[in-house]
Amino acid sequence: MEHHEVRVHPSTANLAREDQLAWKLADYAASQPAVEEDVADMVRCRVVDNAAVALAGLNRGSVVSARAMVLAHPRNHGATLFGLPSETTIHAEWAAWANGTAVRELDFTTPSWRPISATPATTSPRKSPLHSRWGAMGKI
């Protein structure tokens, strides 16, 4: 197992992409590491749960607004949005934001009193566009 030091860097540090946490996560995902079956089952459940919650919230105001903004940022071979044809591709960071907005809009699985910044429902929609952008969806 490789360990990485994770800490906050000031914006003036101009950290190289390869040293950024998001890059390291995407690089690891693209390497298609072996995954135990029980882990793969949990990931499948999370993907289905996130997609279901996102689709259920598509007509909510914040999701409609986010998706309207995102559609102004198309990109060839970009990332996809929940509920749109795979031919519709967007800049990955915009897709991550809109997908995350859709998932969080109706996600009642996380109580409001608990920190929500690192739950799978919060982080997964932001990673999926990066995976789709780089063609690293894996074998789950």
Protein backbone atom coordinates (compact mmCIF):
# COMPACT_ATOMS: atom_id res chain seq x y z
CA MET A 1 0.00 0.00 0.00
CA GLU A 2 1.27 3.42 -0.93
CA HIS A 3 0.76 6.23 1.59
CA HIS A 4 0.27 9.85 0.59
CA GLU A 5 0.60 12.92 2.77
CA VAL A 6 -2.61 14.93 2.50
CA ARG A 7 -2.57 18.52 3.66
CA VAL A 8 -3.78 21.94 2.61
CA HIS A 9 -1.49 23.96 0.35
CA PRO A 10 -1.86 27.70 -0.26
CA SER A 11 -2.87 28.60 -3.81
CA THR A 12 0.49 30.34 -4.18
CA ALA A 13 2.20 26.95 -3.82
CA ASN A 14 1.18 26.11 -7.41
CA LEU A 15 1.21 22.38 -6.68
CA ALA A 16 1.95 20.22 -9.73
CA ARG A 17 -1.08 18.27 -11.00
CA GLU A 18 0.64 14.95 -10.30
CA ASP A 19 0.98 15.97 -6.63
CA GLN A 20 -2.69 16.88 -6.19
CA LEU A 21 -5.01 14.43 -4.42
CA ALA A 22 -7.61 14.43 -7.22
CA TRP A 23 -4.93 13.50 -9.74
CA LYS A 24 -3.65 10.67 -7.54
CA LEU A 25 -7.18 9.30 -7.07
CA ALA A 26 -7.88 9.42 -10.81
CA ASP A 27 -4.51 7.82 -11.56
CA TYR A 28 -5.28 5.01 -9.12
CA ALA A 29 -8.75 4.48 -10.60
CA ALA A 30 -7.30 4.39 -14.11
CA SER A 31 -4.83 1.69 -13.07
CA GLN A 32 -7.81 -0.65 -12.54
CA PRO A 33 -6.61 -2.25 -9.30
CA ALA A 34 -8.00 -5.62 -8.22
CA VAL A 35 -11.20 -5.20 -6.23
CA GLU A 36 -12.62 -7.74 -3.77
CA GLU A 37 -16.15 -8.88 -4.63
CA ASP A 38 -17.76 -7.49 -1.46
CA VAL A 39 -16.19 -4.09 -2.20
CA ALA A 40 -17.45 -4.25 -5.81
CA ASP A 41 -20.96 -5.07 -4.52
CA MET A 42 -20.91 -2.02 -2.24
CA VAL A 43 -19.71 0.21 -5.09
CA ARG A 44 -22.51 -1.08 -7.32
CA CYS A 45 -25.04 -0.30 -4.59
CA ARG A 46 -23.65 3.23 -4.23
CA VAL A 47 -23.75 3.86 -7.97
CA VAL A 48 -27.37 2.70 -8.16
CA ASP A 49 -28.29 4.72 -5.06
CA ASN A 50 -26.62 7.88 -6.36
CA ALA A 51 -28.21 7.52 -9.79
CA ALA A 52 -31.65 6.94 -8.30
CA VAL A 53 -31.42 9.93 -5.97
CA ALA A 54 -30.04 12.13 -8.77
CA LEU A 55 -32.80 11.15 -11.19
CA ALA A 56 -35.47 11.70 -8.57
CA GLY A 57 -34.24 15.24 -8.04
CA LEU A 58 -33.89 16.28 -11.70
CA ASN A 59 -36.93 18.59 -11.61
CA ARG A 60 -35.96 20.35 -8.37
CA GLY A 61 -34.97 24.00 -8.71
CA SER A 62 -31.33 23.77 -7.70
CA VAL A 63 -30.73 20.78 -9.99
CA VAL A 64 -32.47 22.44 -12.94
CA SER A 65 -30.34 25.56 -12.44
CA ALA A 66 -27.11 23.59 -12.10
CA ARG A 67 -27.80 21.56 -15.22
CA ALA A 68 -28.69 24.68 -17.24
CA MET A 69 -25.36 26.23 -16.29
CA VAL A 70 -23.47 23.03 -17.03
CA LEU A 71 -24.94 22.59 -20.50
CA ALA A 72 -23.25 25.87 -21.45
CA HIS A 73 -19.89 24.05 -21.08
CA PRO A 74 -19.89 21.22 -23.65
CA ARG A 75 -16.68 19.34 -24.38
CA ASN A 76 -15.93 16.68 -26.96
CA HIS A 77 -15.00 13.43 -25.20
CA GLY A 78 -15.95 15.07 -21.90
CA ALA A 79 -17.88 13.73 -18.92
CA THR A 80 -21.55 12.77 -18.77
CA LEU A 81 -24.50 13.94 -16.66
CA PHE A 82 -27.02 11.78 -14.84
CA GLY A 83 -30.12 11.38 -16.99
CA LEU A 84 -28.71 12.65 -20.30
CA PRO A 85 -27.59 10.61 -23.32
CA SER A 86 -23.94 9.56 -23.22
CA GLU A 87 -23.36 11.61 -26.40
CA THR A 88 -23.90 14.79 -24.34
CA THR A 89 -20.50 15.48 -22.82
CA ILE A 90 -19.45 18.35 -20.59
CA HIS A 91 -16.24 19.63 -19.00
CA ALA A 92 -15.56 17.19 -16.14
CA GLU A 93 -15.50 19.76 -13.34
CA TRP A 94 -18.89 21.14 -14.42
CA ALA A 95 -20.39 17.66 -14.73
CA ALA A 96 -19.07 16.78 -11.27
CA TRP A 97 -20.73 19.85 -9.81
CA ALA A 98 -24.09 19.22 -11.48
CA ASN A 99 -24.10 15.50 -10.68
CA GLY A 100 -23.17 16.29 -7.09
CA THR A 101 -25.98 18.85 -6.87
CA ALA A 102 -28.46 16.28 -8.18
CA VAL A 103 -27.35 13.61 -5.69
CA ARG A 104 -27.32 15.92 -2.68
CA GLU A 105 -30.71 17.49 -3.46
CA LEU A 106 -32.72 14.49 -2.26
CA ASP A 107 -30.10 12.50 -0.39
CA PHE A 108 -31.83 11.81 2.91
CA THR A 109 -29.34 9.13 3.99
CA THR A 110 -27.02 11.62 5.69
CA PRO A 111 -28.44 13.37 8.76
CA SER A 112 -27.98 17.14 8.72
CA TRP A 113 -26.11 17.09 12.04
CA ARG A 114 -23.29 14.94 10.67
CA PRO A 115 -20.40 16.30 8.57
CA ILE A 116 -21.20 15.44 4.95
CA SER A 117 -18.09 16.49 3.07
CA ALA A 118 -16.64 12.98 2.67
CA THR A 119 -19.58 10.60 2.43
CA PRO A 120 -19.73 8.35 -0.67
CA ALA A 121 -22.88 10.16 -1.78
CA THR A 122 -20.96 13.44 -1.73
CA THR A 123 -17.72 12.33 -3.33
CA SER A 124 -18.80 9.68 -5.87
CA PRO A 125 -20.70 12.01 -8.24
CA ARG A 126 -17.63 14.21 -8.39
CA LYS A 127 -15.30 11.36 -9.28
CA SER A 128 -17.48 9.69 -11.92
CA PRO A 129 -17.13 12.52 -14.47
CA LEU A 130 -13.35 12.32 -14.14
CA HIS A 131 -13.44 8.58 -14.70
CA SER A 132 -15.70 8.93 -17.75
CA ARG A 133 -13.58 11.78 -19.13
CA TRP A 134 -10.43 9.63 -19.01
CA GLY A 135 -12.16 6.39 -20.02
CA ALA A 136 -11.34 4.77 -16.68
CA MET A 137 -14.70 3.38 -15.63
CA GLY A 138 -13.18 0.08 -14.47
CA LYS A 139 -14.75 -3.35 -14.23
CA ILE A 140 -17.25 -3.11 -11.41
